[in-house]
Amino acid sequence: MKKISRILSIMLAITVLLAGCQKKDSSEKKILSFAFVSPSVQAVITESAKTIVATVPEGTAVTSMIPIITVSEKATVNPASGIPMDFTNPVTYIVTAEDGSQASYIVTVTFGSGGGGGGGGTTDPTEFSGNIDANTTWPDLGLPVDYIVDGRVVINGNALLTIEPGVTIMFTGTNGAIEVGENAGLRMVGTADKPIKFVGPANNPNNGSWEQIRVNSKRADNVWEYVEFIRGGSDDYVWNAVIDLQGAKVSMKNCTIDGSLGYGIDVEYETRFLAFEGNTIKNCAQYPIVSEDWIGLLDLNANNAFESNGHNFIDALCRDINMEQHTTLKAMPIPYYMESGLWIEGGFKLTIEPGTQMYFKSGQNVDMQAAVTLIADGTADKPIIFRGMEDENSYWLGIKYHSTKEASVMNHCQILNCGEDDAYFHGGCLCIYDGSRLTLTNCTIGKSLYYGITLDGVELFDRITHSNNTFVNCGHGNVWLEDGGEWDGVQYEGGQILNDLP
């Protein structure tokens, strides 16, 4: 009996000991920190009263602010951290501990001094440095300068920086820049009355007082409207641009680039404009637009203005248009500078709009491949111009035409300042090769030291429809026939010079 009693006592002791060792759920339920992403504001927490007060600059839009909240370990908060909320009126946040107990905090947003890392109030701008890693909004603070940016700011990850109408951003020096990462975004939609402005330091009124906006992102929310980029492009190196688009997608409407030590916009490989209209680019030391890829240039529209630039041309460094669909080269208010000439291939149609002007660098040419259908259908008032960058005879090499497509047309085109001394195939402004087809009407061809047109052979007489064309200043003759033969009962000799196409 004593033995049984002793066993029961031991079991009871073990039960009590185990019960004492069981882990209890935590009852901690505090908000440890409460801050906003934009403007950058750390709120004041009064734990005894369970109140939180955040003071933001006057004019801050508080209807969709994003708080970053830290709570006790194993606790949760509702609404959750990172969820946009309307703080027009006080908002209640409920913290739930692991054991299910709760505490309520009242969050109030007031206006006054503070925010943005040292600025704030109604007289001081918000200062910003470092990178942006979360969705951020820069609202209009109602100041002459709302935000001062020091150095290069990179928008990282999936973050979206939204800049609201009326905001002015000042960079502190020539290294000032904003870079948009591959998966990030930059949305800037101003209005005609409240444009968004990027400027350099107040004590540097010169072009190049800050660097650039660089975009690597293809996000659809890269939308810019009524944005003014004033006196950027700090590096006078020839490649530098106020806007550097590196394989990006951007919609750009009613924006202004005014002043650069380099280019206005650098359109790099595989960049696409979702829209490009109503923009003005002026006072750039180099070209307003430069591109190494035709894809982006094909997105441009005519209703843009280019004024007082060092070279008022669109600098097309790219040579190849390798078409994978029907393509239109649009007429712009300034010429394209064909620095690398033009190679056109692909089994599709290239349409060149009336009024398009192409000025070619010395030693360059157009090479039109056999599978391309060319529609260069200008008008008397809006001819399509192929000419040299300098108005000199035979300044560039001319058009090498291989298209075999019956629908190909050159109408009201001017092909000038071209032709080369080619011992194999005497070079004219327009060299038409064996098997080609073309309707050639109302064109002006010449200013050549050699020939206006060269033909491979007499079989082309049946393949070229022509009328009302004019030859001017062709030093060796209007038409050179390379290979002879009989056509329409007439025998032609190889190497014969003709006054016109038969």
Protein backbone atom coordinates (compact mmCIF):
# COMPACT_ATOMS: atom_id res chain seq x y z
CA MET A 1 0.00 0.00 0.00
CA LYS A 2 2.84 2.36 0.83
CA LYS A 3 4.50 1.43 -2.45
CA ILE A 4 1.39 2.35 -4.43
CA SER A 5 1.08 5.61 -2.55
CA ARG A 6 4.69 6.47 -3.32
CA ILE A 7 4.19 5.76 -7.03
CA LEU A 8 1.12 7.98 -7.15
CA SER A 9 3.03 10.79 -5.47
CA ILE A 10 5.85 10.56 -8.02
CA MET A 11 3.40 10.60 -10.94
CA LEU A 12 1.66 13.66 -9.50
CA ALA A 13 4.97 15.48 -9.13
CA ILE A 14 5.93 14.67 -12.72
CA THR A 15 2.54 15.95 -13.97
CA VAL A 16 2.97 19.21 -12.05
CA LEU A 17 6.53 19.58 -13.38
CA LEU A 18 5.47 18.98 -16.99
CA ALA A 19 2.61 21.42 -16.65
CA GLY A 20 5.03 24.02 -15.38
CA CYS A 21 7.34 23.43 -18.35
CA GLN A 22 4.66 23.84 -21.03
CA LYS A 23 5.28 26.90 -23.28
CA LYS A 24 2.71 29.66 -22.92
CA ASP A 25 1.52 31.71 -25.92
CA SER A 26 2.97 35.21 -25.99
CA SER A 27 0.74 38.07 -24.93
CA GLU A 28 2.99 40.80 -26.40
CA LYS A 29 0.98 43.12 -28.65
CA LYS A 30 2.79 46.39 -29.21
CA ILE A 31 3.45 48.61 -32.22
CA LEU A 32 7.20 49.13 -31.99
CA SER A 33 7.62 51.51 -34.94
CA PHE A 34 5.36 53.26 -37.45
CA ALA A 35 6.72 55.13 -40.49
CA PHE A 36 5.63 56.31 -43.93
CA VAL A 37 7.51 55.63 -47.15
CA SER A 38 6.63 58.90 -48.83
CA PRO A 39 7.14 61.39 -47.46
CA SER A 40 9.78 59.73 -45.29
CA VAL A 41 8.30 60.29 -41.80
CA GLN A 42 8.81 58.41 -38.53
CA ALA A 43 5.71 58.65 -36.32
CA VAL A 44 5.72 59.27 -32.55
CA ILE A 45 4.21 56.42 -30.47
CA THR A 46 2.75 57.10 -27.02
CA GLU A 47 2.43 53.59 -25.61
CA SER A 48 0.53 54.50 -22.46
CA ALA A 49 -2.24 56.19 -24.45
CA LYS A 50 -1.99 53.82 -27.42
CA THR A 51 -1.72 56.80 -29.81
CA ILE A 52 0.51 57.34 -32.83
CA VAL A 53 1.04 60.76 -34.44
CA ALA A 54 2.81 61.35 -37.77
CA THR A 55 3.54 64.91 -38.90
CA VAL A 56 3.89 65.38 -42.67
CA PRO A 57 4.68 68.47 -44.77
CA GLU A 58 1.85 70.82 -45.59
CA GLY A 59 0.14 69.82 -48.83
CA THR A 60 0.98 66.10 -48.60
CA ALA A 61 -1.71 63.92 -50.19
CA VAL A 62 -2.87 61.66 -47.34
CA THR A 63 -5.60 59.70 -49.08
CA SER A 64 -3.36 56.77 -50.01
CA MET A 65 -0.31 56.68 -47.76
CA ILE A 66 1.74 53.54 -47.19
CA PRO A 67 2.84 52.81 -43.60
CA ILE A 68 5.68 50.48 -42.65
CA ILE A 69 4.84 48.94 -39.25
CA THR A 70 6.92 46.84 -36.85
CA VAL A 71 5.08 44.92 -34.10
CA SER A 72 5.98 42.56 -31.26
CA GLU A 73 7.41 39.15 -32.17
CA LYS A 74 4.67 36.69 -33.16
CA ALA A 75 2.04 39.45 -33.17
CA THR A 76 0.06 40.62 -36.20
CA VAL A 77 -1.45 43.97 -37.10
CA ASN A 78 -4.59 44.88 -39.01
CA PRO A 79 -4.54 46.74 -41.41
CA ALA A 80 -1.24 45.16 -42.37
CA SER A 81 2.06 46.92 -42.95
CA GLY A 82 2.49 48.18 -46.52
CA ILE A 83 -1.24 48.56 -47.22
CA PRO A 84 -2.18 52.05 -48.56
CA MET A 85 -4.70 53.78 -46.28
CA ASP A 86 -6.64 57.04 -46.21
CA PHE A 87 -5.41 59.11 -43.26
CA THR A 88 -7.75 62.04 -43.79
CA ASN A 89 -9.25 60.97 -40.45
CA PRO A 90 -7.65 58.94 -37.62
CA VAL A 91 -7.22 55.24 -38.39
CA THR A 92 -7.42 52.40 -35.85
CA TYR A 93 -4.79 49.66 -35.98
CA ILE A 94 -5.41 46.45 -34.00
CA VAL A 95 -2.48 44.35 -32.84
CA THR A 96 -3.23 40.71 -32.03
CA ALA A 97 -0.84 38.77 -29.79
CA GLU A 98 -0.02 35.09 -30.19
CA ASP A 99 -2.43 34.25 -27.35
CA GLY A 100 -5.27 36.09 -29.12
CA SER A 101 -5.35 39.15 -26.89
CA GLN A 102 -5.53 42.51 -28.64
CA ALA A 103 -4.53 46.15 -28.33
CA SER A 104 -5.87 49.09 -30.36
CA TYR A 105 -3.80 52.09 -31.50
CA ILE A 106 -5.20 55.32 -32.95
CA VAL A 107 -3.04 56.74 -35.77
CA THR A 108 -3.38 60.42 -36.61
CA VAL A 109 -1.65 62.32 -39.44
CA THR A 110 -1.11 66.03 -38.94
CA PHE A 111 0.41 68.73 -41.10
CA GLY A 112 3.39 70.84 -40.12
CA SER A 113 7.16 70.51 -39.95
CA GLY A 114 9.03 67.27 -40.51
CA GLY A 115 9.32 64.57 -43.13
CA GLY A 116 11.74 63.71 -45.84
CA GLY A 117 14.95 63.45 -43.87
CA GLY A 118 15.48 66.99 -42.72
CA GLY A 119 13.19 69.17 -44.83
CA GLY A 120 9.52 69.76 -44.42
CA GLY A 121 7.33 72.57 -43.24
CA THR A 122 6.03 75.16 -45.65
CA THR A 123 9.46 76.70 -46.40
CA ASP A 124 11.95 73.83 -46.67
CA PRO A 125 12.08 71.22 -49.43
CA THR A 126 12.35 67.51 -48.67
CA GLU A 127 15.87 66.16 -49.07
CA PHE A 128 16.43 62.72 -50.56
CA SER A 129 19.44 60.51 -51.04
CA GLY A 130 19.91 56.77 -51.36
CA ASN A 131 17.80 54.28 -53.29
CA ILE A 132 14.07 53.57 -53.50
CA ASP A 133 13.10 49.99 -52.67
CA ALA A 134 9.31 50.25 -52.18
CA ASN A 135 6.43 52.00 -53.94
CA THR A 136 6.89 55.69 -53.25
CA THR A 137 4.94 58.85 -54.06
CA TRP A 138 6.39 62.34 -54.17
CA PRO A 139 3.45 64.74 -53.76
CA ASP A 140 3.47 68.46 -54.51
CA LEU A 141 4.55 70.28 -51.34
CA GLY A 142 3.60 73.66 -52.76
CA LEU A 143 7.20 74.95 -52.65
CA PRO A 144 9.42 76.47 -55.34
CA VAL A 145 11.53 73.32 -54.97
CA ASP A 146 9.77 70.35 -53.40
CA TYR A 147 12.56 67.74 -53.36
CA ILE A 148 16.34 68.02 -53.35
CA VAL A 149 18.09 64.91 -54.67
CA ASP A 150 21.74 64.29 -53.83
CA GLY A 151 23.67 61.99 -56.18
CA ARG A 152 22.30 59.05 -58.18
CA VAL A 153 19.04 57.51 -56.98
CA VAL A 154 18.23 53.98 -58.18
CA ILE A 155 14.65 52.68 -58.14
CA ASN A 156 15.17 49.01 -57.26
CA GLY A 157 13.22 45.77 -57.44
CA ASN A 158 9.55 46.17 -58.34
CA ALA A 159 9.30 49.64 -56.78
CA LEU A 160 7.31 52.36 -58.56
CA LEU A 161 8.15 56.01 -58.00
CA THR A 162 5.11 58.21 -58.68
CA ILE A 163 5.72 61.95 -59.00
CA GLU A 164 2.58 64.04 -58.79
CA PRO A 165 1.67 67.19 -60.78
CA GLY A 166 3.41 70.42 -59.79
CA VAL A 167 6.49 68.80 -58.23
CA THR A 168 9.92 70.36 -58.79
CA ILE A 169 12.99 68.18 -58.18
CA MET A 170 16.38 69.85 -57.82
CA PHE A 171 19.63 67.89 -58.17
CA THR A 172 22.56 69.02 -56.04
CA GLY A 173 25.25 68.63 -58.69
CA THR A 174 26.47 67.27 -62.00
CA ASN A 175 26.28 63.66 -60.75
CA GLY A 176 22.56 63.99 -60.01
CA ALA A 177 20.51 61.29 -61.71
CA ILE A 178 17.60 58.89 -61.33
CA GLU A 179 17.95 55.35 -62.66
CA VAL A 180 14.99 53.01 -63.10
CA GLY A 181 15.87 49.34 -62.63
CA GLU A 182 14.78 46.56 -64.96
CA ASN A 183 11.63 45.68 -63.00
CA ALA A 184 10.99 49.08 -61.44
CA GLY A 185 8.91 51.97 -62.77
CA LEU A 186 8.74 55.76 -62.95
CA ARG A 187 5.35 57.41 -63.40
CA MET A 188 5.29 61.19 -63.88
CA VAL A 189 2.01 62.67 -65.08
CA GLY A 190 1.81 66.42 -64.76
CA THR A 191 -0.59 68.85 -66.40
CA ALA A 192 -0.22 71.91 -68.60
CA ASP A 193 -0.86 74.12 -65.54
CA LYS A 194 1.19 72.00 -63.12
CA PRO A 195 4.15 70.46 -64.97
CA ILE A 196 6.71 68.28 -63.21
CA LYS A 197 10.21 69.79 -63.36
CA PHE A 198 13.76 68.47 -63.03
CA VAL A 199 16.36 71.21 -62.52
CA GLY A 200 19.95 71.64 -61.42
CA PRO A 201 21.28 73.66 -58.47
CA ALA A 202 20.10 77.23 -58.17
CA ASN A 203 23.73 78.41 -58.28
CA ASN A 204 24.40 76.61 -61.60
CA PRO A 205 22.20 78.02 -64.38
CA ASN A 206 24.27 76.32 -67.10
CA ASN A 207 23.43 73.39 -69.36
CA GLY A 208 24.70 70.16 -67.85
CA SER A 209 24.01 71.16 -64.24
CA TRP A 210 22.76 67.61 -63.54
CA GLU A 211 23.21 64.28 -65.32
CA GLN A 212 20.25 62.25 -66.58
CA ILE A 213 17.19 60.05 -66.16
CA ARG A 214 18.13 56.48 -67.15
CA VAL A 215 15.46 53.84 -67.73
CA ASN A 216 16.10 50.10 -68.05
CA SER A 217 12.48 49.07 -67.49
CA LYS A 218 9.76 47.89 -69.88
CA ARG A 219 6.88 48.49 -67.46
CA ALA A 220 3.69 49.92 -68.93
CA ASP A 221 3.46 52.45 -66.08
CA ASN A 222 6.54 54.33 -67.32
CA VAL A 223 4.20 57.15 -68.37
CA TRP A 224 5.53 60.72 -68.62
CA GLU A 225 3.32 63.67 -69.44
CA TYR A 226 4.02 67.39 -69.06
CA VAL A 227 7.48 66.84 -67.59
CA GLU A 228 10.26 69.42 -68.06
CA PHE A 229 13.91 68.32 -68.02
CA ILE A 230 15.89 71.55 -67.68
CA ARG A 231 19.68 71.87 -68.22
CA GLY A 232 20.61 68.20 -67.75
CA GLY A 233 23.17 66.15 -69.69
CA SER A 234 26.14 67.08 -67.50
CA ASP A 235 28.78 65.05 -69.33
CA ASP A 236 29.91 66.61 -72.61
CA TYR A 237 31.04 63.18 -73.82
CA VAL A 238 29.32 62.62 -77.15
CA TRP A 239 27.12 59.74 -75.91
CA ASN A 240 25.65 61.52 -72.91
CA ALA A 241 21.92 62.33 -72.98
CA VAL A 242 19.39 63.88 -70.62
CA ILE A 243 17.16 60.81 -71.15
CA ASP A 244 18.95 57.47 -71.58
CA LEU A 245 16.60 54.63 -72.59
CA GLN A 246 18.31 51.24 -72.38
CA GLY A 247 15.99 48.61 -73.79
CA ALA A 248 13.10 50.46 -72.15
CA LYS A 249 9.43 51.13 -72.82
CA VAL A 250 8.23 54.67 -72.18
CA SER A 251 5.18 56.75 -73.05
CA MET A 252 6.26 60.37 -73.46
CA LYS A 253 3.77 63.13 -74.22
CA ASN A 254 3.98 66.93 -74.03
CA CYS A 255 7.39 66.83 -72.36
CA THR A 256 10.25 69.31 -72.77
CA ILE A 257 14.00 68.75 -72.80
CA ASP A 258 15.72 72.13 -72.67
CA GLY A 259 19.50 72.22 -72.62
CA SER A 260 22.18 69.49 -72.65
CA LEU A 261 25.93 69.27 -73.12
CA GLY A 262 25.23 66.11 -75.12
CA TYR A 263 22.07 64.62 -76.63
CA GLY A 264 18.44 65.07 -75.65
CA ILE A 265 17.43 61.38 -75.80
CA ASP A 266 19.58 58.29 -76.36
CA VAL A 267 17.36 55.49 -77.73
CA GLU A 268 19.34 52.31 -77.14
CA TYR A 269 18.81 48.74 -78.34
CA GLU A 270 15.21 47.41 -78.28
CA THR A 271 13.74 50.56 -76.73
CA ARG A 272 10.10 51.18 -77.67
CA PHE A 273 8.02 54.32 -77.28
CA LEU A 274 4.46 53.44 -76.26
CA ALA A 275 3.77 57.02 -77.34
CA PHE A 276 5.97 59.94 -78.41
CA GLU A 277 4.00 63.04 -79.28
CA GLY A 278 3.74 66.72 -78.46
CA ASN A 279 7.31 66.85 -77.12
CA THR A 280 9.89 69.63 -77.52
CA ILE A 281 13.66 69.07 -77.53
CA LYS A 282 15.83 72.17 -77.76
CA ASN A 283 19.20 73.70 -76.96
CA CYS A 284 21.12 70.40 -76.92
CA ALA A 285 24.78 70.66 -77.95
CA GLN A 286 24.59 67.42 -79.96
CA TYR A 287 21.52 65.88 -81.64
CA PRO A 288 18.04 65.96 -80.05
CA ILE A 289 17.69 62.16 -80.55
CA VAL A 290 20.30 59.49 -81.24
CA SER A 291 19.67 55.78 -81.76
CA GLU A 292 21.60 52.62 -82.61
CA ASP A 293 18.36 50.72 -83.27
CA TRP A 294 15.62 51.53 -85.80
CA ILE A 295 12.92 49.91 -83.63
CA GLY A 296 12.58 52.92 -81.34
CA LEU A 297 12.84 55.48 -84.15
CA LEU A 298 9.94 53.87 -85.98
CA ASP A 299 7.69 54.78 -83.00
CA LEU A 300 8.23 58.53 -83.40
CA ASN A 301 5.42 60.83 -84.56
CA ALA A 302 5.55 64.05 -86.53
CA ASN A 303 3.87 66.33 -83.99
CA ASN A 304 7.06 67.03 -82.02
CA ALA A 305 9.28 70.12 -82.07
CA PHE A 306 13.08 70.33 -82.33
CA GLU A 307 14.67 73.75 -81.88
CA SER A 308 18.15 75.30 -81.69
CA ASN A 309 20.05 72.05 -81.24
CA GLY A 310 23.71 71.80 -82.21
CA HIS A 311 22.76 69.36 -84.99
CA ASN A 312 19.04 69.56 -85.66
CA PHE A 313 18.72 66.04 -87.07
CA ILE A 314 17.65 62.66 -85.71
CA ASP A 315 20.95 60.79 -85.57
CA ALA A 316 20.32 57.28 -86.92
CA LEU A 317 23.50 55.39 -86.09
CA CYS A 318 21.71 52.16 -86.94
CA ARG A 319 21.97 50.70 -90.46
CA ASP A 320 19.67 47.66 -90.53
CA ILE A 321 15.90 47.64 -90.81
CA ASN A 322 15.24 43.89 -90.61
CA MET A 323 11.47 43.87 -90.93
CA GLU A 324 9.32 41.21 -89.29
CA GLN A 325 6.11 43.01 -90.21
CA HIS A 326 4.90 45.85 -92.43
CA THR A 327 6.79 48.94 -91.28
CA THR A 328 6.39 52.70 -91.70
CA LEU A 329 9.21 55.23 -91.53
CA LYS A 330 7.44 58.39 -90.40
CA ALA A 331 8.11 61.90 -91.61
CA MET A 332 9.52 64.10 -88.86
CA PRO A 333 9.80 67.90 -88.79
CA ILE A 334 13.60 67.52 -89.06
CA PRO A 335 15.67 65.16 -91.26
CA TYR A 336 17.13 61.82 -90.28
CA TYR A 337 20.93 61.82 -90.40
CA MET A 338 21.79 58.43 -91.90
CA GLU A 339 25.20 58.13 -90.32
CA SER A 340 25.52 54.40 -91.11
CA GLY A 341 23.45 54.26 -94.28
CA LEU A 342 20.50 51.88 -94.56
CA TRP A 343 20.17 48.14 -95.13
CA ILE A 344 16.55 47.02 -95.63
CA GLU A 345 15.56 43.35 -95.66
CA GLY A 346 12.70 41.03 -94.73
CA GLY A 347 9.70 39.87 -96.76
CA PHE A 348 7.46 42.78 -95.82
CA LYS A 349 6.48 46.28 -96.92
CA LEU A 350 8.42 49.39 -95.96
CA THR A 351 6.36 52.56 -96.33
CA ILE A 352 8.20 55.88 -96.23
CA GLU A 353 5.81 58.73 -95.45
CA PRO A 354 5.58 61.78 -97.73
CA GLY A 355 7.87 64.55 -96.49
CA THR A 356 10.47 62.20 -94.98
CA GLN A 357 14.01 63.57 -95.34
CA MET A 358 17.12 61.38 -95.14
CA TYR A 359 20.56 63.00 -95.20
CA PHE A 360 23.41 60.52 -95.73
CA LYS A 361 26.94 60.55 -94.43
CA SER A 362 29.75 60.42 -96.96
CA GLY A 363 30.54 56.89 -98.11
CA GLN A 364 27.15 55.43 -97.08
CA ASN A 365 24.34 53.97 -99.19
CA VAL A 366 20.85 52.45 -99.15
CA ASP A 367 20.81 48.71 -99.86
CA MET A 368 17.27 47.53 -100.67
CA GLN A 369 17.05 43.72 -100.68
CA ALA A 370 14.97 41.60 -103.07
CA ALA A 371 12.16 40.54 -100.69
CA VAL A 372 11.27 44.11 -99.62
CA THR A 373 8.27 45.95 -101.06
CA LEU A 374 9.13 49.65 -101.09
CA ILE A 375 6.35 52.25 -100.95
CA ALA A 376 8.06 55.64 -101.19
CA ASP A 377 5.02 57.56 -102.42
CA GLY A 378 5.65 61.26 -101.91
CA THR A 379 3.72 64.23 -103.23
CA ALA A 380 4.65 67.40 -105.10
CA ASP A 381 4.35 69.38 -101.86
CA LYS A 382 5.93 66.69 -99.68
CA PRO A 383 8.63 64.88 -101.64
CA ILE A 384 10.66 62.09 -100.07
CA ILE A 385 14.29 63.19 -100.00
CA PHE A 386 17.41 61.03 -100.20
CA ARG A 387 20.42 63.34 -100.26
CA GLY A 388 23.92 63.95 -98.92
CA MET A 389 24.64 65.63 -95.64
CA GLU A 390 26.60 68.11 -97.73
CA ASP A 391 25.23 69.49 -101.00
CA GLU A 392 28.08 68.12 -103.09
CA ASN A 393 28.00 65.97 -106.20
CA SER A 394 28.49 62.27 -105.37
CA TYR A 395 28.79 63.00 -101.63
CA TRP A 396 27.25 59.60 -100.79
CA LEU A 397 26.97 56.34 -102.73
CA GLY A 398 23.26 56.23 -103.61
CA ILE A 399 20.57 53.53 -103.62
CA LYS A 400 21.38 49.91 -104.45
CA TYR A 401 18.00 48.57 -105.52
CA HIS A 402 17.29 44.81 -105.61
CA SER A 403 13.53 44.60 -104.89
CA THR A 404 11.66 42.14 -107.11
CA LYS A 405 8.20 43.19 -105.84
CA GLU A 406 5.80 44.49 -108.47
CA ALA A 407 4.09 46.83 -105.99
CA SER A 408 7.30 48.78 -105.25
CA VAL A 409 6.91 52.51 -105.94
CA MET A 410 9.12 55.58 -105.89
CA ASN A 411 7.00 58.65 -106.63
CA HIS A 412 7.96 62.28 -106.04
CA CYS A 413 11.32 61.28 -104.62
CA GLN A 414 14.53 63.30 -104.79
CA ILE A 415 17.72 61.21 -105.04
CA LEU A 416 20.59 63.68 -104.98
CA ASN A 417 24.33 64.15 -104.27
CA CYS A 418 25.08 60.49 -104.94
CA GLY A 419 26.82 58.00 -107.22
CA GLU A 420 30.21 56.32 -107.10
CA ASP A 421 32.99 55.43 -109.50
CA ASP A 422 32.54 51.66 -109.48
CA ALA A 423 34.69 49.88 -112.07
CA TYR A 424 32.44 46.77 -112.01
CA PHE A 425 29.04 48.45 -112.07
CA HIS A 426 29.27 52.13 -112.94
CA GLY A 427 27.60 53.75 -109.95
CA GLY A 428 24.58 55.94 -110.40
CA CYS A 429 22.43 57.64 -107.79
CA LEU A 430 19.99 54.75 -108.34
CA CYS A 431 21.54 51.38 -109.24
CA ILE A 432 18.88 48.88 -110.34
CA TYR A 433 20.00 45.27 -110.38
CA ASP A 434 18.96 42.21 -112.39
CA GLY A 435 15.46 40.91 -111.56
CA SER A 436 14.25 44.12 -109.91
CA ARG A 437 10.83 45.70 -110.41
CA LEU A 438 9.88 49.33 -109.78
CA THR A 439 7.41 52.05 -110.69
CA LEU A 440 9.47 55.24 -110.90
CA THR A 441 7.53 58.47 -111.44
CA ASN A 442 7.94 62.21 -110.85
CA CYS A 443 11.40 61.74 -109.36
CA THR A 444 14.43 64.04 -109.50
CA ILE A 445 17.76 62.23 -109.75
CA GLY A 446 21.25 63.62 -109.98
CA LYS A 447 23.99 65.87 -108.68
CA SER A 448 26.30 63.00 -109.54
CA LEU A 449 29.84 62.98 -110.84
CA TYR A 450 28.92 59.77 -112.68
CA TYR A 451 25.40 58.63 -113.68
CA GLY A 452 21.83 59.24 -112.60
CA ILE A 453 20.65 55.61 -113.01
CA THR A 454 22.60 52.45 -113.78
CA LEU A 455 20.84 49.33 -115.08
CA ASP A 456 22.10 45.75 -115.00
CA GLY A 457 20.66 44.87 -118.41
CA VAL A 458 17.99 45.39 -121.04
CA GLU A 459 15.57 42.94 -119.34
CA LEU A 460 14.94 45.72 -116.81
CA PHE A 461 13.26 47.78 -119.54
CA ASP A 462 10.23 45.49 -119.18
CA ARG A 463 10.36 45.57 -115.38
CA ILE A 464 10.50 49.32 -114.75
CA THR A 465 7.46 51.55 -115.23
CA HIS A 466 8.53 55.17 -115.45
CA SER A 467 7.29 58.63 -116.35
CA ASN A 468 7.97 62.32 -115.75
CA ASN A 469 11.38 61.84 -114.12
CA THR A 470 14.08 64.53 -114.21
CA PHE A 471 17.87 64.18 -114.31
CA VAL A 472 20.08 67.00 -113.03
CA ASN A 473 23.86 67.43 -113.29
CA CYS A 474 24.80 63.82 -114.06
CA GLY A 475 28.47 64.15 -114.99
CA HIS A 476 28.82 61.02 -117.21
CA GLY A 477 25.24 60.72 -118.41
CA ASN A 478 21.69 60.15 -117.26
CA VAL A 479 21.43 56.33 -117.65
CA TRP A 480 24.17 53.73 -117.91
CA LEU A 481 23.28 50.32 -119.39
CA GLU A 482 25.70 47.68 -118.14
CA ASP A 483 24.68 44.70 -120.35
CA GLY A 484 23.23 45.01 -123.84
CA GLY A 485 20.66 43.02 -125.79
CA GLU A 486 17.59 43.41 -127.90
CA TRP A 487 14.45 45.08 -126.56
CA ASP A 488 11.32 45.99 -128.52
CA GLY A 489 13.14 45.38 -131.79
CA VAL A 490 16.06 47.63 -130.90
CA GLN A 491 19.58 46.36 -130.26
CA TYR A 492 21.31 47.96 -127.26
CA GLU A 493 25.03 47.69 -126.60
CA GLY A 494 26.53 46.87 -123.23
CA GLY A 495 28.13 49.95 -121.68
CA GLN A 496 25.80 52.28 -123.58
CA ILE A 497 24.83 55.68 -122.17
CA LEU A 498 21.12 56.61 -122.56
CA ASN A 499 19.43 59.95 -122.09
CA ASP A 500 16.45 58.32 -120.36
CA LEU A 501 14.91 54.97 -119.55
CA PRO A 502 13.36 53.41 -122.70
